[in-house]
Amino acid sequence: MAHLLCELLLRLQMAGGANGCPMPIRQGDLADMTGLTDVHVNCTLQALRDENLIVLRSRRLDVPDIERLRAFCGFNPDYLHLLPRDGVCAAR
């Protein structure tokens, strides 16, 4: 779940968005995307909240420390092959 959130945030940043973003995806959608049950998604999101890795409030996702979240899940964006216009990958 943390890895998926990192990827979504990176894609948002590459499109010019900021860290905090509206979260139109519901827990059932996350369950479908990850192959987990709704209950497991709920527990996982709560665990991420408890660790202060994410803040979900009023259908908005904020990540207080993106590098900490990336380290937590071992996120490495290289597989996405995303390059901004200047050719330097901002994900690193």
N, C-alpha and C. Protein backbone atom coordinates (compact mmCIF):
# COMPACT_ATOMS: atom_id res chain seq x y z
N MET A 1 0.82 -1.18 0.00
CA MET A 1 0.00 0.00 0.00
C MET A 1 0.88 1.26 0.00
N ALA A 2 1.91 1.25 0.82
CA ALA A 2 2.82 2.39 0.88
C ALA A 2 3.51 2.59 -0.48
N HIS A 3 3.88 1.49 -1.11
CA HIS A 3 4.53 1.56 -2.42
C HIS A 3 3.59 2.17 -3.45
N LEU A 4 2.35 1.74 -3.44
CA LEU A 4 1.36 2.27 -4.36
C LEU A 4 1.16 3.77 -4.13
N LEU A 5 1.08 4.19 -2.88
CA LEU A 5 0.91 5.61 -2.57
C LEU A 5 2.12 6.41 -3.03
N CYS A 6 3.33 5.86 -2.87
CA CYS A 6 4.53 6.54 -3.36
C CYS A 6 4.47 6.73 -4.87
N GLU A 7 4.05 5.69 -5.57
CA GLU A 7 3.96 5.79 -7.03
C GLU A 7 2.91 6.82 -7.43
N LEU A 8 1.77 6.81 -6.80
CA LEU A 8 0.73 7.78 -7.13
C LEU A 8 1.20 9.20 -6.88
N LEU A 9 1.89 9.42 -5.75
CA LEU A 9 2.40 10.75 -5.44
C LEU A 9 3.47 11.19 -6.45
N LEU A 10 4.34 10.27 -6.83
CA LEU A 10 5.38 10.60 -7.82
C LEU A 10 4.75 10.99 -9.15
N ARG A 11 3.76 10.22 -9.57
CA ARG A 11 3.09 10.54 -10.83
C ARG A 11 2.40 11.90 -10.75
N LEU A 12 1.83 12.20 -9.59
CA LEU A 12 1.20 13.50 -9.40
C LEU A 12 2.24 14.62 -9.47
N GLN A 13 3.40 14.42 -8.82
CA GLN A 13 4.46 15.41 -8.85
C GLN A 13 4.98 15.62 -10.27
N MET A 14 5.12 14.54 -11.02
CA MET A 14 5.61 14.64 -12.39
C MET A 14 4.62 15.42 -13.26
N ALA A 15 3.36 15.40 -12.88
CA ALA A 15 2.33 16.13 -13.63
C ALA A 15 2.19 17.56 -13.11
N GLY A 16 3.05 17.95 -12.16
CA GLY A 16 3.02 19.31 -11.65
C GLY A 16 2.24 19.49 -10.38
N GLY A 17 1.81 18.41 -9.76
CA GLY A 17 1.04 18.49 -8.52
C GLY A 17 1.95 18.59 -7.31
N ALA A 18 1.34 18.76 -6.17
CA ALA A 18 2.07 18.90 -4.91
C ALA A 18 1.94 17.63 -4.08
N ASN A 19 2.61 17.61 -2.92
CA ASN A 19 2.57 16.46 -2.03
C ASN A 19 1.15 16.17 -1.56
N GLY A 20 0.50 17.15 -0.97
CA GLY A 20 -0.87 16.96 -0.51
C GLY A 20 -1.80 16.95 -1.71
N CYS A 21 -2.71 16.01 -1.74
CA CYS A 21 -3.57 15.92 -2.90
C CYS A 21 -4.92 15.36 -2.51
N PRO A 22 -5.93 15.69 -3.30
CA PRO A 22 -7.23 15.06 -3.08
C PRO A 22 -7.10 13.56 -3.27
N MET A 23 -7.84 12.80 -2.51
CA MET A 23 -7.78 11.35 -2.59
C MET A 23 -9.14 10.83 -3.04
N PRO A 24 -9.40 10.88 -4.35
CA PRO A 24 -10.71 10.43 -4.84
C PRO A 24 -10.86 8.92 -4.84
N ILE A 25 -9.77 8.21 -4.58
CA ILE A 25 -9.79 6.74 -4.59
C ILE A 25 -10.30 6.26 -3.22
N ARG A 26 -11.30 5.42 -3.24
CA ARG A 26 -11.87 4.88 -2.00
C ARG A 26 -11.12 3.61 -1.60
N GLN A 27 -11.31 3.20 -0.36
CA GLN A 27 -10.63 2.01 0.13
C GLN A 27 -10.99 0.78 -0.71
N GLY A 28 -12.21 0.70 -1.16
CA GLY A 28 -12.61 -0.42 -2.03
C GLY A 28 -11.85 -0.41 -3.34
N ASP A 29 -11.59 0.79 -3.87
CA ASP A 29 -10.79 0.91 -5.10
C ASP A 29 -9.36 0.46 -4.85
N LEU A 30 -8.79 0.86 -3.71
CA LEU A 30 -7.43 0.42 -3.36
C LEU A 30 -7.39 -1.09 -3.20
N ALA A 31 -8.43 -1.66 -2.63
CA ALA A 31 -8.50 -3.11 -2.49
C ALA A 31 -8.50 -3.78 -3.86
N ASP A 32 -9.29 -3.26 -4.78
CA ASP A 32 -9.32 -3.81 -6.13
C ASP A 32 -7.97 -3.67 -6.83
N MET A 33 -7.30 -2.54 -6.63
CA MET A 33 -6.01 -2.29 -7.29
C MET A 33 -4.91 -3.20 -6.77
N THR A 34 -5.00 -3.56 -5.49
CA THR A 34 -3.92 -4.33 -4.87
C THR A 34 -4.25 -5.81 -4.67
N GLY A 35 -5.51 -6.18 -4.87
CA GLY A 35 -5.90 -7.57 -4.66
C GLY A 35 -6.10 -7.90 -3.18
N LEU A 36 -6.24 -6.87 -2.36
CA LEU A 36 -6.46 -7.07 -0.93
C LEU A 36 -7.94 -6.92 -0.61
N THR A 37 -8.33 -7.32 0.57
CA THR A 37 -9.71 -7.11 0.99
C THR A 37 -9.87 -5.69 1.50
N ASP A 38 -11.10 -5.21 1.52
CA ASP A 38 -11.39 -3.88 2.06
C ASP A 38 -10.91 -3.77 3.50
N VAL A 39 -11.12 -4.83 4.27
CA VAL A 39 -10.71 -4.82 5.68
C VAL A 39 -9.19 -4.71 5.80
N HIS A 40 -8.46 -5.44 4.97
CA HIS A 40 -7.00 -5.39 5.02
C HIS A 40 -6.49 -4.01 4.61
N VAL A 41 -7.10 -3.41 3.61
CA VAL A 41 -6.72 -2.06 3.19
C VAL A 41 -6.96 -1.09 4.34
N ASN A 42 -8.10 -1.20 4.99
CA ASN A 42 -8.40 -0.32 6.12
C ASN A 42 -7.36 -0.46 7.21
N CYS A 43 -7.02 -1.70 7.57
CA CYS A 43 -6.01 -1.94 8.61
C CYS A 43 -4.64 -1.42 8.20
N THR A 44 -4.30 -1.60 6.93
CA THR A 44 -3.00 -1.16 6.44
C THR A 44 -2.91 0.37 6.45
N LEU A 45 -3.95 1.03 5.99
CA LEU A 45 -3.96 2.49 6.01
C LEU A 45 -3.89 3.01 7.45
N GLN A 46 -4.59 2.33 8.35
CA GLN A 46 -4.53 2.74 9.76
C GLN A 46 -3.12 2.57 10.32
N ALA A 47 -2.45 1.49 9.95
CA ALA A 47 -1.07 1.27 10.41
C ALA A 47 -0.14 2.36 9.88
N LEU A 48 -0.34 2.77 8.62
CA LEU A 48 0.47 3.85 8.05
C LEU A 48 0.19 5.17 8.75
N ARG A 49 -1.08 5.38 9.12
CA ARG A 49 -1.44 6.59 9.89
C ARG A 49 -0.79 6.54 11.26
N ASP A 50 -0.86 5.39 11.91
CA ASP A 50 -0.30 5.25 13.27
C ASP A 50 1.19 5.51 13.29
N GLU A 51 1.88 5.18 12.22
CA GLU A 51 3.32 5.43 12.10
C GLU A 51 3.63 6.84 11.63
N ASN A 52 2.59 7.64 11.44
CA ASN A 52 2.70 9.01 10.94
C ASN A 52 3.39 9.07 9.57
N LEU A 53 3.14 8.05 8.77
CA LEU A 53 3.69 8.02 7.41
C LEU A 53 2.74 8.70 6.43
N ILE A 54 1.44 8.64 6.73
CA ILE A 54 0.45 9.32 5.90
C ILE A 54 -0.57 10.00 6.79
N VAL A 55 -1.22 11.00 6.23
CA VAL A 55 -2.35 11.65 6.88
C VAL A 55 -3.49 11.65 5.87
N LEU A 56 -4.55 10.94 6.20
CA LEU A 56 -5.75 10.92 5.37
C LEU A 56 -6.85 11.61 6.14
N ARG A 57 -7.31 12.73 5.60
CA ARG A 57 -8.34 13.49 6.28
C ARG A 57 -9.19 14.20 5.24
N SER A 58 -10.49 14.08 5.40
CA SER A 58 -11.42 14.75 4.47
C SER A 58 -11.09 14.44 3.02
N ARG A 59 -10.83 13.16 2.75
CA ARG A 59 -10.53 12.70 1.39
C ARG A 59 -9.34 13.42 0.77
N ARG A 60 -8.35 13.69 1.61
CA ARG A 60 -7.10 14.32 1.18
C ARG A 60 -5.94 13.52 1.74
N LEU A 61 -4.94 13.24 0.91
CA LEU A 61 -3.75 12.51 1.32
C LEU A 61 -2.60 13.48 1.47
N ASP A 62 -1.96 13.46 2.63
CA ASP A 62 -0.73 14.21 2.87
C ASP A 62 0.32 13.24 3.38
N VAL A 63 1.55 13.45 2.97
CA VAL A 63 2.67 12.63 3.42
C VAL A 63 3.66 13.57 4.10
N PRO A 64 3.73 13.50 5.45
CA PRO A 64 4.61 14.43 6.17
C PRO A 64 6.08 14.35 5.76
N ASP A 65 6.55 13.13 5.43
CA ASP A 65 7.96 12.94 5.06
C ASP A 65 8.02 11.88 3.97
N ILE A 66 8.02 12.33 2.73
CA ILE A 66 7.98 11.39 1.60
C ILE A 66 9.18 10.46 1.58
N GLU A 67 10.35 10.96 1.96
CA GLU A 67 11.54 10.10 1.97
C GLU A 67 11.40 8.99 3.01
N ARG A 68 10.79 9.30 4.12
CA ARG A 68 10.56 8.27 5.15
C ARG A 68 9.58 7.21 4.63
N LEU A 69 8.54 7.63 3.94
CA LEU A 69 7.59 6.68 3.37
C LEU A 69 8.27 5.82 2.31
N ARG A 70 9.10 6.43 1.47
CA ARG A 70 9.82 5.67 0.45
C ARG A 70 10.77 4.65 1.08
N ALA A 71 11.46 5.05 2.14
CA ALA A 71 12.37 4.12 2.82
C ALA A 71 11.58 3.00 3.48
N PHE A 72 10.45 3.31 4.03
CA PHE A 72 9.61 2.33 4.71
C PHE A 72 9.24 1.17 3.79
N CYS A 73 8.91 1.51 2.53
CA CYS A 73 8.46 0.46 1.62
C CYS A 73 9.50 0.09 0.57
N GLY A 74 10.69 0.69 0.66
CA GLY A 74 11.74 0.37 -0.31
C GLY A 74 11.42 0.84 -1.71
N PHE A 75 10.74 1.96 -1.82
CA PHE A 75 10.32 2.47 -3.13
C PHE A 75 11.51 2.96 -3.94
N ASN A 76 11.64 2.41 -5.14
CA ASN A 76 12.65 2.83 -6.10
C ASN A 76 11.91 3.12 -7.40
N PRO A 77 11.86 4.37 -7.82
CA PRO A 77 11.04 4.73 -8.98
C PRO A 77 11.64 4.38 -10.33
N ASP A 78 12.80 3.77 -10.38
CA ASP A 78 13.46 3.51 -11.66
C ASP A 78 12.60 2.71 -12.64
N TYR A 79 11.77 1.81 -12.12
CA TYR A 79 10.97 0.97 -13.00
C TYR A 79 9.91 1.77 -13.78
N LEU A 80 9.64 3.00 -13.33
CA LEU A 80 8.62 3.81 -14.00
C LEU A 80 9.13 4.49 -15.25
N HIS A 81 10.46 4.66 -15.36
CA HIS A 81 11.06 5.30 -16.53
C HIS A 81 10.44 6.67 -16.79
N LEU A 82 10.28 7.45 -15.73
CA LEU A 82 9.70 8.79 -15.85
C LEU A 82 10.82 9.82 -15.92
N LEU A 83 10.82 10.59 -16.97
CA LEU A 83 11.79 11.67 -17.11
C LEU A 83 11.06 12.96 -17.39
N PRO A 84 11.36 13.99 -16.62
CA PRO A 84 10.75 15.29 -16.93
C PRO A 84 11.38 15.90 -18.17
N ARG A 85 10.91 17.04 -18.55
CA ARG A 85 11.36 17.69 -19.79
C ARG A 85 12.86 17.93 -19.85
N ASP A 86 13.49 18.21 -18.69
CA ASP A 86 14.92 18.52 -18.71
C ASP A 86 15.79 17.26 -18.73
N GLY A 87 15.17 16.06 -18.71
CA GLY A 87 15.91 14.82 -18.81
C GLY A 87 16.47 14.29 -17.51
N VAL A 88 16.28 15.01 -16.41
CA VAL A 88 16.77 14.57 -15.10
C VAL A 88 15.60 14.06 -14.30
N CYS A 89 15.71 12.88 -13.79
CA CYS A 89 14.60 12.28 -13.05
C CYS A 89 14.48 12.93 -11.67
N ALA A 90 13.38 13.59 -11.43
CA ALA A 90 13.14 14.28 -10.16
C ALA A 90 12.82 13.31 -9.04
N ALA A 91 12.62 12.06 -9.35
CA ALA A 91 12.21 11.08 -8.35
C ALA A 91 13.37 10.66 -7.45
N ARG A 92 14.55 10.98 -7.79
CA ARG A 92 15.70 10.50 -7.01
C ARG A 92 16.03 11.45 -5.91
